[in-house]
Amino acid sequence: MIDFTQKEKEYFMGQALMEAQKAAAHEDVPIGAVIVKDGEIIARSYNARELHQKATHHAEICAIDRANEVVGNWRLLDCALFVTIEPCVMCSGAISLARLSQVYFGATNPKFGGAVSLYQILEDTRLNHRLHVESGILEEECAQMMQIFFKNRRKK
């Protein structure tokens, strides 16, 4: 397991927040993700469902795809994912299958959360791969971005 300082966690989550802003610019739900290996960001992405009209283009899935290309392997061992919002069930499954070692997220996802809110897929002892999960990294900033997005969307 990679031992990040609080300052490093906040830096990487800040990078994920920058990715989330790109999603909002395309009128996608503002979720961003970065994948870190050996202290460096090797992949970054944001929600692109509206942009690409593909249901599976969640920030986490797109970041995993990019990291697989960088590493040259489907296994992302010794890699950590930083994502602004708790991964959904689909993304939690993909994270586990990609063999990431750690997941850090900002705010919970009480309606679709697959890591802590509704399900605990990433730490489920019935599965053969479990990860370290930590929430609350820049939680207020991550939650606020979502709140503003949906408030503006309801106005339209």
C-alpha atoms as a PDB file:
ATOM      1  CA  MET A   1       0.000   0.000   0.000  1.00  0.00           C
ATOM      2  CA  ILE A   2       1.189   3.479  -0.878  1.00  0.00           C
ATOM      3  CA  ASP A   3       1.391   5.722   2.185  1.00  0.00           C
ATOM      4  CA  PHE A   4       0.229   9.196   1.129  1.00  0.00           C
ATOM      5  CA  THR A   5       0.490  12.243   3.353  1.00  0.00           C
ATOM      6  CA  GLN A   6      -2.646  14.322   3.851  1.00  0.00           C
ATOM      7  CA  LYS A   7      -1.061  17.036   1.699  1.00  0.00           C
ATOM      8  CA  GLU A   8      -0.492  14.526  -1.139  1.00  0.00           C
ATOM      9  CA  LYS A   9      -4.063  13.224  -0.859  1.00  0.00           C
ATOM     10  CA  GLU A  10      -5.403  16.759  -1.114  1.00  0.00           C
ATOM     11  CA  TYR A  11      -3.122  17.561  -4.051  1.00  0.00           C
ATOM     12  CA  PHE A  12      -4.261  14.510  -6.041  1.00  0.00           C
ATOM     13  CA  MET A  13      -7.918  15.157  -5.156  1.00  0.00           C
ATOM     14  CA  GLY A  14      -7.417  18.732  -6.321  1.00  0.00           C
ATOM     15  CA  GLN A  15      -6.263  17.343  -9.646  1.00  0.00           C
ATOM     16  CA  ALA A  16      -9.387  15.170  -9.784  1.00  0.00           C
ATOM     17  CA  LEU A  17     -11.499  18.272  -9.091  1.00  0.00           C
ATOM     18  CA  MET A  18      -9.858  19.978 -12.070  1.00  0.00           C
ATOM     19  CA  GLU A  19     -10.910  17.009 -14.206  1.00  0.00           C
ATOM     20  CA  ALA A  20     -14.454  17.271 -12.833  1.00  0.00           C
ATOM     21  CA  GLN A  21     -14.630  20.862 -14.064  1.00  0.00           C
ATOM     22  CA  LYS A  22     -13.981  19.577 -17.587  1.00  0.00           C
ATOM     23  CA  ALA A  23     -16.996  17.271 -17.278  1.00  0.00           C
ATOM     24  CA  ALA A  24     -19.197  20.169 -16.196  1.00  0.00           C
ATOM     25  CA  ALA A  25     -18.043  22.155 -19.240  1.00  0.00           C
ATOM     26  CA  HIS A  26     -19.571  19.376 -21.393  1.00  0.00           C
ATOM     27  CA  GLU A  27     -22.740  19.339 -19.263  1.00  0.00           C
ATOM     28  CA  ASP A  28     -21.741  16.010 -17.759  1.00  0.00           C
ATOM     29  CA  VAL A  29     -22.062  15.239 -14.065  1.00  0.00           C
ATOM     30  CA  PRO A  30     -18.862  16.795 -12.665  1.00  0.00           C
ATOM     31  CA  ILE A  31     -16.845  13.820 -11.514  1.00  0.00           C
ATOM     32  CA  GLY A  32     -13.109  13.630 -12.081  1.00  0.00           C
ATOM     33  CA  ALA A  33     -10.493  10.972 -11.430  1.00  0.00           C
ATOM     34  CA  VAL A  34      -6.731  10.534 -11.433  1.00  0.00           C
ATOM     35  CA  ILE A  35      -4.664   7.384 -11.040  1.00  0.00           C
ATOM     36  CA  VAL A  36      -1.332   7.604  -9.244  1.00  0.00           C
ATOM     37  CA  LYS A  37       1.627   5.226  -9.438  1.00  0.00           C
ATOM     38  CA  ASP A  38       4.953   5.847  -7.697  1.00  0.00           C
ATOM     39  CA  GLY A  39       3.791   9.298  -6.629  1.00  0.00           C
ATOM     40  CA  GLU A  40       3.001  10.444 -10.185  1.00  0.00           C
ATOM     41  CA  ILE A  41      -0.290  10.830 -12.005  1.00  0.00           C
ATOM     42  CA  ILE A  42      -0.311   8.299 -14.829  1.00  0.00           C
ATOM     43  CA  ALA A  43      -3.913   8.806 -15.955  1.00  0.00           C
ATOM     44  CA  ARG A  44      -6.650  11.372 -15.572  1.00  0.00           C
ATOM     45  CA  SER A  45     -10.198  11.605 -16.793  1.00  0.00           C
ATOM     46  CA  TYR A  46     -13.685  12.950 -16.193  1.00  0.00           C
ATOM     47  CA  ASN A  47     -17.262  11.895 -16.832  1.00  0.00           C
ATOM     48  CA  ALA A  48     -17.850  11.928 -20.587  1.00  0.00           C
ATOM     49  CA  ARG A  49     -21.234  10.231 -21.003  1.00  0.00           C
ATOM     50  CA  GLU A  50     -22.863  13.262 -22.590  1.00  0.00           C
ATOM     51  CA  LEU A  51     -19.776  14.131 -24.610  1.00  0.00           C
ATOM     52  CA  HIS A  52     -19.419  10.652 -26.135  1.00  0.00           C
ATOM     53  CA  GLN A  53     -23.007   9.423 -25.655  1.00  0.00           C
ATOM     54  CA  LYS A  54     -21.734   6.262 -23.963  1.00  0.00           C
ATOM     55  CA  ALA A  55     -23.233   5.028 -20.701  1.00  0.00           C
ATOM     56  CA  THR A  56     -19.960   3.550 -19.447  1.00  0.00           C
ATOM     57  CA  HIS A  57     -17.851   6.694 -19.859  1.00  0.00           C
ATOM     58  CA  HIS A  58     -17.616   7.396 -16.148  1.00  0.00           C
ATOM     59  CA  ALA A  59     -14.474   9.156 -14.916  1.00  0.00           C
ATOM     60  CA  GLU A  60     -13.147   6.044 -13.177  1.00  0.00           C
ATOM     61  CA  ILE A  61     -13.617   3.728 -16.167  1.00  0.00           C
ATOM     62  CA  CYS A  62     -11.967   6.186 -18.568  1.00  0.00           C
ATOM     63  CA  ALA A  63      -9.047   6.717 -16.171  1.00  0.00           C
ATOM     64  CA  ILE A  64      -8.589   2.953 -15.781  1.00  0.00           C
ATOM     65  CA  ASP A  65      -8.501   2.540 -19.575  1.00  0.00           C
ATOM     66  CA  ARG A  66      -5.802   5.211 -19.864  1.00  0.00           C
ATOM     67  CA  ALA A  67      -3.767   3.768 -16.990  1.00  0.00           C
ATOM     68  CA  ASN A  68      -3.925   0.305 -18.583  1.00  0.00           C
ATOM     69  CA  GLU A  69      -2.373   1.794 -21.730  1.00  0.00           C
ATOM     70  CA  VAL A  70       0.352   3.590 -19.765  1.00  0.00           C
ATOM     71  CA  VAL A  71       1.261   0.552 -17.658  1.00  0.00           C
ATOM     72  CA  GLY A  72       0.818  -1.884 -20.544  1.00  0.00           C
ATOM     73  CA  ASN A  73      -1.188  -4.252 -18.381  1.00  0.00           C
ATOM     74  CA  TRP A  74      -4.786  -4.692 -17.255  1.00  0.00           C
ATOM     75  CA  ARG A  75      -3.569  -5.037 -13.678  1.00  0.00           C
ATOM     76  CA  LEU A  76      -2.999  -1.699 -11.983  1.00  0.00           C
ATOM     77  CA  LEU A  77      -1.140  -3.083  -9.005  1.00  0.00           C
ATOM     78  CA  ASP A  78       0.405  -0.493  -6.692  1.00  0.00           C
ATOM     79  CA  CYS A  79      -1.818   2.228  -8.174  1.00  0.00           C
ATOM     80  CA  ALA A  80      -4.214   4.504  -6.319  1.00  0.00           C
ATOM     81  CA  LEU A  81      -7.379   6.097  -7.651  1.00  0.00           C
ATOM     82  CA  PHE A  82      -8.497   9.539  -6.513  1.00  0.00           C
ATOM     83  CA  VAL A  83     -12.074  10.353  -7.511  1.00  0.00           C
ATOM     84  CA  THR A  84     -14.255  13.261  -6.477  1.00  0.00           C
ATOM     85  CA  ILE A  85     -17.389  11.211  -5.726  1.00  0.00           C
ATOM     86  CA  GLU A  86     -17.816   7.705  -4.336  1.00  0.00           C
ATOM     87  CA  PRO A  87     -17.645   5.178  -7.189  1.00  0.00           C
ATOM     88  CA  CYS A  88     -20.933   3.671  -8.348  1.00  0.00           C
ATOM     89  CA  VAL A  89     -21.518  -0.076  -8.477  1.00  0.00           C
ATOM     90  CA  MET A  90     -20.243  -0.360 -12.080  1.00  0.00           C
ATOM     91  CA  CYS A  91     -17.095   1.611 -11.332  1.00  0.00           C
ATOM     92  CA  SER A  92     -16.466  -0.230  -8.074  1.00  0.00           C
ATOM     93  CA  GLY A  93     -16.557  -3.506  -9.983  1.00  0.00           C
ATOM     94  CA  ALA A  94     -14.143  -2.173 -12.607  1.00  0.00           C
ATOM     95  CA  ILE A  95     -11.808  -0.800  -9.916  1.00  0.00           C
ATOM     96  CA  SER A  96     -11.693  -4.177  -8.222  1.00  0.00           C
ATOM     97  CA  LEU A  97     -11.177  -6.042 -11.495  1.00  0.00           C
ATOM     98  CA  ALA A  98      -8.332  -3.672 -12.436  1.00  0.00           C
ATOM     99  CA  ARG A  99      -6.589  -4.626  -9.173  1.00  0.00           C
ATOM    100  CA  LEU A 100      -6.041  -1.071  -7.961  1.00  0.00           C
ATOM    101  CA  SER A 101      -4.669  -1.052  -4.429  1.00  0.00           C
ATOM    102  CA  GLN A 102      -6.301   2.080  -3.004  1.00  0.00           C
ATOM    103  CA  VAL A 103      -9.289   4.338  -3.617  1.00  0.00           C
ATOM    104  CA  TYR A 104      -9.677   7.813  -2.191  1.00  0.00           C
ATOM    105  CA  PHE A 105     -12.839   9.784  -2.792  1.00  0.00           C
ATOM    106  CA  GLY A 106     -14.258  13.112  -1.744  1.00  0.00           C
ATOM    107  CA  ALA A 107     -18.006  12.923  -1.156  1.00  0.00           C
ATOM    108  CA  THR A 108     -20.311   9.951  -0.745  1.00  0.00           C
ATOM    109  CA  ASN A 109     -22.892   8.949  -3.328  1.00  0.00           C
ATOM    110  CA  PRO A 110     -25.967   7.982  -1.268  1.00  0.00           C
ATOM    111  CA  LYS A 111     -28.068   7.048  -4.323  1.00  0.00           C
ATOM    112  CA  PHE A 112     -25.564   4.943  -6.312  1.00  0.00           C
ATOM    113  CA  GLY A 113     -22.510   4.413  -4.099  1.00  0.00           C
ATOM    114  CA  GLY A 114     -20.761   1.091  -4.478  1.00  0.00           C
ATOM    115  CA  ALA A 115     -17.885   1.662  -2.037  1.00  0.00           C
ATOM    116  CA  VAL A 116     -19.507   2.658   1.269  1.00  0.00           C
ATOM    117  CA  SER A 117     -23.011   4.114   0.876  1.00  0.00           C
ATOM    118  CA  LEU A 118     -25.156   1.330  -0.578  1.00  0.00           C
ATOM    119  CA  TYR A 119     -22.622  -1.450  -1.080  1.00  0.00           C
ATOM    120  CA  GLN A 120     -19.057  -2.098   0.058  1.00  0.00           C
ATOM    121  CA  ILE A 121     -17.824  -3.827  -3.093  1.00  0.00           C
ATOM    122  CA  LEU A 122     -14.212  -2.695  -2.713  1.00  0.00           C
ATOM    123  CA  GLU A 123     -13.845  -4.178   0.764  1.00  0.00           C
ATOM    124  CA  ASP A 124     -16.202  -7.170   0.464  1.00  0.00           C
ATOM    125  CA  THR A 125     -14.447 -10.206   1.956  1.00  0.00           C
ATOM    126  CA  ARG A 126     -16.425 -12.513  -0.355  1.00  0.00           C
ATOM    127  CA  LEU A 127     -14.462 -11.172  -3.318  1.00  0.00           C
ATOM    128  CA  ASN A 128     -10.889 -12.182  -4.072  1.00  0.00           C
ATOM    129  CA  HIS A 129      -9.532  -8.612  -4.313  1.00  0.00           C
ATOM    130  CA  ARG A 130     -10.030  -5.957  -1.667  1.00  0.00           C
ATOM    131  CA  LEU A 131      -8.736  -2.406  -1.568  1.00  0.00           C
ATOM    132  CA  HIS A 132      -8.007   0.272   0.960  1.00  0.00           C
ATOM    133  CA  VAL A 133     -10.861   2.818   0.775  1.00  0.00           C
ATOM    134  CA  GLU A 134     -10.753   6.287   2.286  1.00  0.00           C
ATOM    135  CA  SER A 135     -13.387   8.983   1.967  1.00  0.00           C
ATOM    136  CA  GLY A 136     -13.670  12.637   2.877  1.00  0.00           C
ATOM    137  CA  ILE A 137     -10.673  13.997   0.957  1.00  0.00           C
ATOM    138  CA  LEU A 138     -11.673  17.603   0.100  1.00  0.00           C
ATOM    139  CA  GLU A 139     -15.206  16.424   0.774  1.00  0.00           C
ATOM    140  CA  GLU A 140     -16.790  19.875   0.949  1.00  0.00           C
ATOM    141  CA  GLU A 141     -15.325  20.993  -2.392  1.00  0.00           C
ATOM    142  CA  CYS A 142     -16.349  17.753  -4.100  1.00  0.00           C
ATOM    143  CA  ALA A 143     -19.897  17.838  -2.735  1.00  0.00           C
ATOM    144  CA  GLN A 144     -20.311  21.530  -3.513  1.00  0.00           C
ATOM    145  CA  MET A 145     -19.376  21.008  -7.154  1.00  0.00           C
ATOM    146  CA  MET A 146     -22.123  18.391  -7.476  1.00  0.00           C
ATOM    147  CA  GLN A 147     -24.676  20.527  -5.624  1.00  0.00           C
ATOM    148  CA  ILE A 148     -24.046  23.528  -7.864  1.00  0.00           C
ATOM    149  CA  PHE A 149     -24.236  21.382 -11.003  1.00  0.00           C
ATOM    150  CA  PHE A 150     -27.582  19.840 -10.102  1.00  0.00           C
ATOM    151  CA  LYS A 151     -29.008  23.128  -8.832  1.00  0.00           C
ATOM    152  CA  ASN A 152     -28.180  24.726 -12.195  1.00  0.00           C
ATOM    153  CA  ARG A 153     -29.531  21.732 -14.088  1.00  0.00           C
ATOM    154  CA  ARG A 154     -32.874  21.950 -12.255  1.00  0.00           C
ATOM    155  CA  LYS A 155     -33.140  25.633 -13.212  1.00  0.00           C
ATOM    156  CA  LYS A 156     -32.918  24.684 -16.895  1.00  0.00           C
END
